[in-house]
Protein backbone atom coordinates (compact mmCIF):
# COMPACT_ATOMS: atom_id res chain seq x y z
CA UNK A 1 -62.64 59.90 -57.22
CA UNK A 2 -60.38 63.22 -56.66
CA UNK A 3 -63.13 64.69 -54.82
CA UNK A 4 -63.83 62.15 -52.88
CA UNK A 5 -60.19 62.09 -51.46
CA UNK A 6 -60.03 65.36 -51.29
CA UNK A 7 -63.08 66.02 -49.14
CA UNK A 8 -61.85 63.30 -46.96
CA UNK A 9 -57.98 64.58 -46.59
CA UNK A 10 -60.38 68.15 -45.43
CA UNK A 11 -61.58 66.09 -42.62
CA UNK A 12 -59.00 65.03 -41.65
CA UNK A 13 -57.35 67.79 -41.14
CA UNK A 14 -60.28 69.75 -39.59
CA UNK A 15 -60.18 66.45 -37.22
CA UNK A 16 -56.78 66.86 -35.75
CA UNK A 17 -57.20 70.56 -35.52
CA UNK A 18 -59.87 70.28 -33.16
CA UNK A 19 -57.20 67.31 -30.95
CA UNK A 20 -53.57 68.34 -28.98
CA UNK A 21 -50.80 67.48 -31.22
CA UNK A 22 -49.77 63.66 -30.56
CA UNK A 23 -46.63 62.11 -30.90
CA UNK A 24 -46.00 58.42 -30.02
CA UNK A 25 -42.86 56.91 -28.19
CA UNK A 26 -42.62 53.47 -28.89
CA UNK A 27 -40.13 51.93 -26.01
CA UNK A 28 -37.80 49.42 -28.23
CA UNK A 29 -35.39 48.80 -25.95
CA UNK A 30 -35.26 45.78 -24.49
CA UNK A 31 -32.69 43.39 -23.70
CA UNK A 32 -35.19 40.25 -24.59
CA UNK A 33 -33.84 38.40 -22.01
CA UNK A 34 -36.26 35.95 -21.31
CA UNK A 35 -36.73 35.82 -25.40
CA UNK A 36 -33.77 32.72 -25.20
CA UNK A 37 -31.22 35.01 -27.08
CA UNK A 38 -33.58 35.74 -29.18
CA UNK A 39 -34.77 39.81 -29.69
CA UNK A 40 -38.68 39.49 -29.38
CA UNK A 41 -39.30 42.82 -31.37
CA UNK A 42 -37.47 41.42 -34.52
CA UNK A 43 -39.03 38.23 -33.95
CA UNK A 44 -41.22 37.26 -37.18
CA UNK A 45 -44.90 36.96 -36.77
CA UNK A 46 -46.23 35.52 -39.88
CA UNK A 47 -43.15 36.68 -41.60
CA UNK A 48 -43.32 39.92 -39.89
CA UNK A 49 -41.08 41.48 -36.85
CA UNK A 50 -43.18 41.95 -33.95
CA UNK A 51 -42.07 45.56 -33.97
CA UNK A 52 -43.76 46.47 -37.91
CA UNK A 53 -46.95 45.35 -36.00
CA UNK A 54 -47.27 48.33 -33.04
CA UNK A 55 -45.81 51.10 -35.72
CA UNK A 56 -48.13 49.88 -38.15
CA UNK A 57 -50.77 50.03 -35.65
CA UNK A 58 -49.96 53.22 -34.95
CA UNK A 59 -49.93 54.20 -38.20
CA UNK A 60 -52.92 53.78 -39.37
CA UNK A 61 -54.39 55.43 -35.83
CA UNK A 62 -56.36 58.82 -36.67
CA UNK A 63 -54.77 59.93 -32.80
CA UNK A 64 -51.15 59.42 -33.42
CA UNK A 65 -49.31 62.77 -35.41
CA UNK A 66 -45.83 61.70 -35.74
CA UNK A 67 -44.03 58.19 -33.94
CA UNK A 68 -40.75 58.30 -32.21
CA UNK A 69 -38.74 55.47 -31.43
CA UNK A 70 -36.25 54.44 -28.01
CA UNK A 71 -34.50 51.74 -29.66
CA UNK A 72 -31.81 49.58 -28.12
CA UNK A 73 -28.28 49.33 -29.88
CA UNK A 74 -28.09 46.24 -31.48
CA UNK A 75 -31.03 46.77 -33.33
CA UNK A 76 -31.25 50.74 -34.04
CA UNK A 77 -30.10 49.70 -37.65
CA UNK A 78 -33.20 47.15 -37.66
CA UNK A 79 -35.38 49.04 -36.59
CA UNK A 80 -35.02 51.61 -38.77
CA UNK A 81 -34.88 48.96 -41.57
CA UNK A 82 -38.95 48.15 -40.50
CA UNK A 83 -39.95 51.20 -41.08
CA UNK A 84 -38.47 51.81 -44.51
CA UNK A 85 -39.98 48.28 -45.67
CA UNK A 86 -43.17 48.47 -44.67
CA UNK A 87 -44.10 52.24 -44.96
CA UNK A 88 -43.86 53.57 -41.29
CA UNK A 89 -44.14 57.78 -42.71
CA UNK A 90 -44.94 58.76 -38.97
CA UNK A 91 -41.55 57.69 -37.63
CA UNK A 92 -40.71 61.07 -37.01
CA UNK A 93 -37.02 59.86 -35.49
CA UNK A 94 -35.62 56.63 -33.82
CA UNK A 95 -32.78 57.12 -31.24
CA UNK A 96 -30.84 55.48 -29.40
CA UNK A 97 -32.46 54.42 -25.54
CA UNK A 98 -31.61 54.47 -21.43
CA UNK A 99 -30.90 52.28 -19.24
CA UNK A 100 -33.96 51.44 -17.71
CA UNK A 101 -37.28 51.87 -19.62
CA UNK A 102 -38.10 55.67 -18.13
CA UNK A 103 -34.65 56.58 -19.20
CA UNK A 104 -35.68 55.49 -23.06
CA UNK A 105 -39.04 56.83 -22.79
CA UNK A 106 -37.74 60.37 -21.33
CA UNK A 107 -34.85 60.60 -23.87
CA UNK A 108 -37.21 59.75 -26.84
CA UNK A 109 -39.89 62.81 -24.94
CA UNK A 110 -37.10 65.67 -25.56
CA UNK A 111 -37.05 64.17 -29.33
CA UNK A 112 -40.87 65.06 -29.85
CA UNK A 113 -41.78 68.19 -32.01
CA UNK A 114 -41.91 71.43 -30.14
CA UNK A 115 -45.41 71.21 -30.40
CA UNK A 116 -46.12 67.83 -29.14
CA UNK A 117 -48.83 68.23 -25.86
CA UNK A 118 -49.76 65.02 -25.36
CA UNK A 119 -47.64 61.76 -25.98
CA UNK A 120 -48.92 58.18 -26.49
CA UNK A 121 -46.15 55.38 -24.85
CA UNK A 122 -46.30 52.07 -26.19
CA UNK A 123 -44.34 49.23 -25.69
CA UNK A 124 -42.57 47.88 -28.90
CA UNK A 125 -43.67 44.45 -28.27
CA UNK A 126 -46.66 44.81 -27.85
CA UNK A 127 -47.77 44.12 -31.54
CA UNK A 128 -51.72 43.96 -31.00
CA UNK A 129 -52.15 46.87 -30.57
CA UNK A 130 -55.33 48.51 -32.57
CA UNK A 131 -55.45 51.84 -33.78
CA UNK A 132 -59.35 52.12 -31.83
CA UNK A 133 -57.78 51.52 -28.44
CA UNK A 134 -55.02 54.04 -29.34
CA UNK A 135 -58.17 56.44 -30.31
CA UNK A 136 -59.61 55.60 -27.15
CA UNK A 137 -56.92 56.04 -24.66
CA UNK A 138 -55.92 59.57 -26.26
CA UNK A 139 -59.75 61.18 -25.76
CA UNK A 140 -59.70 60.20 -22.59
CA UNK A 141 -56.26 61.58 -21.35
CA UNK A 142 -57.16 64.35 -23.65
CA UNK A 143 -60.11 64.77 -20.50
CA UNK A 144 -57.89 63.67 -17.50
CA UNK A 145 -54.28 64.78 -18.49
CA UNK A 146 -53.30 60.68 -17.64
CA UNK A 147 -54.96 57.55 -18.91
CA UNK A 148 -53.76 54.05 -20.24
CA UNK A 149 -55.29 50.66 -21.13
CA UNK A 150 -55.62 47.94 -18.23
CA UNK A 151 -57.91 45.25 -17.87
CA UNK A 152 -59.55 43.77 -14.26
CA UNK A 153 -57.04 40.69 -13.43
CA UNK A 154 -58.87 37.27 -13.53
CA UNK A 155 -56.80 35.38 -11.23
CA UNK A 156 -56.92 36.29 -7.34
CA UNK A 157 -53.28 37.70 -6.83
CA UNK A 158 -51.31 37.07 -3.08
CA UNK A 159 -49.03 39.46 -1.91
CA UNK A 160 -45.99 37.29 -0.72
CA UNK A 161 -43.35 38.12 1.22
CA UNK A 162 -40.01 35.37 2.47
CA UNK A 163 -42.35 33.12 0.27
CA UNK A 164 -45.60 33.55 2.58
CA UNK A 165 -48.82 34.89 1.66
CA UNK A 166 -48.91 38.08 3.72
CA UNK A 167 -52.12 39.55 2.01
CA UNK A 168 -54.97 39.10 -0.41
CA UNK A 169 -56.40 42.21 -1.83
CA UNK A 170 -60.18 42.23 -3.37
CA UNK A 171 -59.64 41.05 -6.77
CA UNK A 172 -62.51 43.53 -8.35
CA UNK A 173 -59.79 46.44 -7.34
CA UNK A 174 -57.53 45.12 -9.40
CA UNK A 175 -56.56 46.10 -12.83
CA UNK A 176 -53.49 44.70 -15.08
CA UNK A 177 -52.33 47.82 -16.99
CA UNK A 178 -50.98 47.83 -20.15
CA UNK A 179 -50.03 50.28 -23.10
CA UNK A 180 -50.70 52.44 -24.95
CA UNK A 181 -50.18 54.92 -21.95
CA UNK A 182 -50.72 58.32 -22.68
CA UNK A 183 -49.97 61.43 -20.94
CA UNK A 184 -49.47 65.36 -21.11
CA UNK A 185 -45.80 65.39 -22.23
CA UNK A 186 -44.96 68.18 -19.82
CA UNK A 187 -46.92 66.24 -16.75
CA UNK A 188 -44.90 63.29 -17.96
CA UNK A 189 -41.70 64.80 -18.30
CA UNK A 190 -41.96 66.29 -14.46
CA UNK A 191 -42.93 63.39 -13.46
CA UNK A 192 -40.16 61.67 -14.50
CA UNK A 193 -37.08 63.54 -13.49
CA UNK A 194 -38.77 63.21 -10.32
CA UNK A 195 -38.34 59.81 -9.89
CA UNK A 196 -35.10 60.01 -11.32
CA UNK A 197 -34.29 61.89 -8.37
CA UNK A 198 -35.95 60.87 -5.96
CA UNK A 199 -33.73 57.29 -6.98
CA UNK A 200 -36.93 55.30 -7.62
CA UNK A 201 -37.22 52.90 -10.10
CA UNK A 202 -40.97 53.24 -12.56
CA UNK A 203 -41.97 50.67 -14.21
CA UNK A 204 -44.87 52.26 -16.25
CA UNK A 205 -45.57 56.41 -16.99
CA UNK A 206 -48.88 56.59 -14.86
CA UNK A 207 -47.08 55.54 -11.90
CA UNK A 208 -44.01 57.88 -12.10
CA UNK A 209 -47.51 60.59 -12.55
CA UNK A 210 -49.54 58.75 -9.35
CA UNK A 211 -46.28 60.10 -7.47
CA UNK A 212 -47.21 63.67 -8.39
CA UNK A 213 -50.79 63.02 -6.34
CA UNK A 214 -52.72 62.53 -10.26
CA UNK A 215 -54.88 59.51 -10.50
CA UNK A 216 -54.52 58.59 -14.18
CA UNK A 217 -57.79 57.58 -15.80
CA UNK A 218 -58.46 53.47 -16.40
CA UNK A 219 -59.14 53.00 -20.14
CA UNK A 220 -60.82 49.29 -21.23
CA UNK A 221 -58.08 47.66 -22.72
CA UNK A 222 -58.28 44.30 -24.58
CA UNK A 223 -57.12 40.74 -23.49
CA UNK A 224 -55.93 40.23 -26.63
CA UNK A 225 -53.30 42.89 -26.17
CA UNK A 226 -50.57 40.67 -24.91
CA UNK A 227 -46.56 41.65 -24.71
CA UNK A 228 -44.64 39.57 -26.32
CA UNK A 229 -41.97 38.29 -23.68
CA UNK A 230 -40.94 34.72 -23.49
CA UNK A 231 -40.70 32.22 -26.91
CA UNK A 232 -44.55 30.92 -26.16
CA UNK A 233 -45.60 34.69 -26.34
CA UNK A 234 -45.16 34.64 -30.57
CA UNK A 235 -47.29 31.29 -30.65
CA UNK A 236 -50.18 32.95 -28.37
CA UNK A 237 -49.88 35.87 -30.50
CA UNK A 238 -49.69 34.10 -34.17
CA UNK A 239 -52.81 32.88 -33.16
CA UNK A 240 -55.01 36.17 -31.71
CA UNK A 241 -53.49 37.68 -35.07
CA UNK A 242 -55.14 35.12 -37.24
CA UNK A 243 -58.48 34.95 -35.40
CA UNK A 244 -58.28 39.11 -35.74
CA UNK A 245 -57.96 38.54 -39.44
CA UNK A 246 -57.66 41.65 -41.67
CA UNK A 247 -57.91 44.16 -38.96
CA UNK A 248 -54.55 43.11 -37.74
CA UNK A 249 -53.00 40.42 -39.22
CA UNK A 250 -51.31 39.85 -42.40
CA UNK A 251 -54.21 40.94 -44.89
CA UNK A 252 -53.21 44.59 -43.27
CA UNK A 253 -50.28 44.22 -44.50
């Protein structure tokens, strides 16, 4: 009834006050060179664009207060349309990204609301993100200033140079890093600025923070949290979404 709805809203507001204001930045400016000419973010799974799954997971996450999307020139308007079509109300802005991922993230950081204390960075092409994983990484970041989802690697990894194996690291210490990655916004801005000044190319936000001598915390991610890179990944994501059912699949839209 009306009373229970009001109580739920009140609890939500109280919960929000207990944690830092958190913005989500979605990196959606990739060139998708390995997709055979198609745009991986607008490719459809069960008739729904990849980026819509990602944004809906953030929309439903209780730790995300607003969303800023860094889009490429070509998908700027289509992503805006996706937000409207799927009723994604937390999207605060859609901005044009930069040349590199770090450039896009930094531009989006500068567009976040002034009250933002922490920022969650998410790959737009990871449609199997769940609200629960986003919340776990946020909670860890609030304690450690920087945290990322990651999973232990399953394969043996070789360090190779000039076609020859140079080293075999102990697999027990190796993790495959995913998104979301959550960081104190001032810390991340400073880390990305420092990396740019030093001419260092960073492929994820934690790498930039690590160069400042800070060790990000690891939160157990999911092997299902794949990144769409090739057309085959779309087929895998379709099967995974079917298995997840109402949690993140068609019945949740």
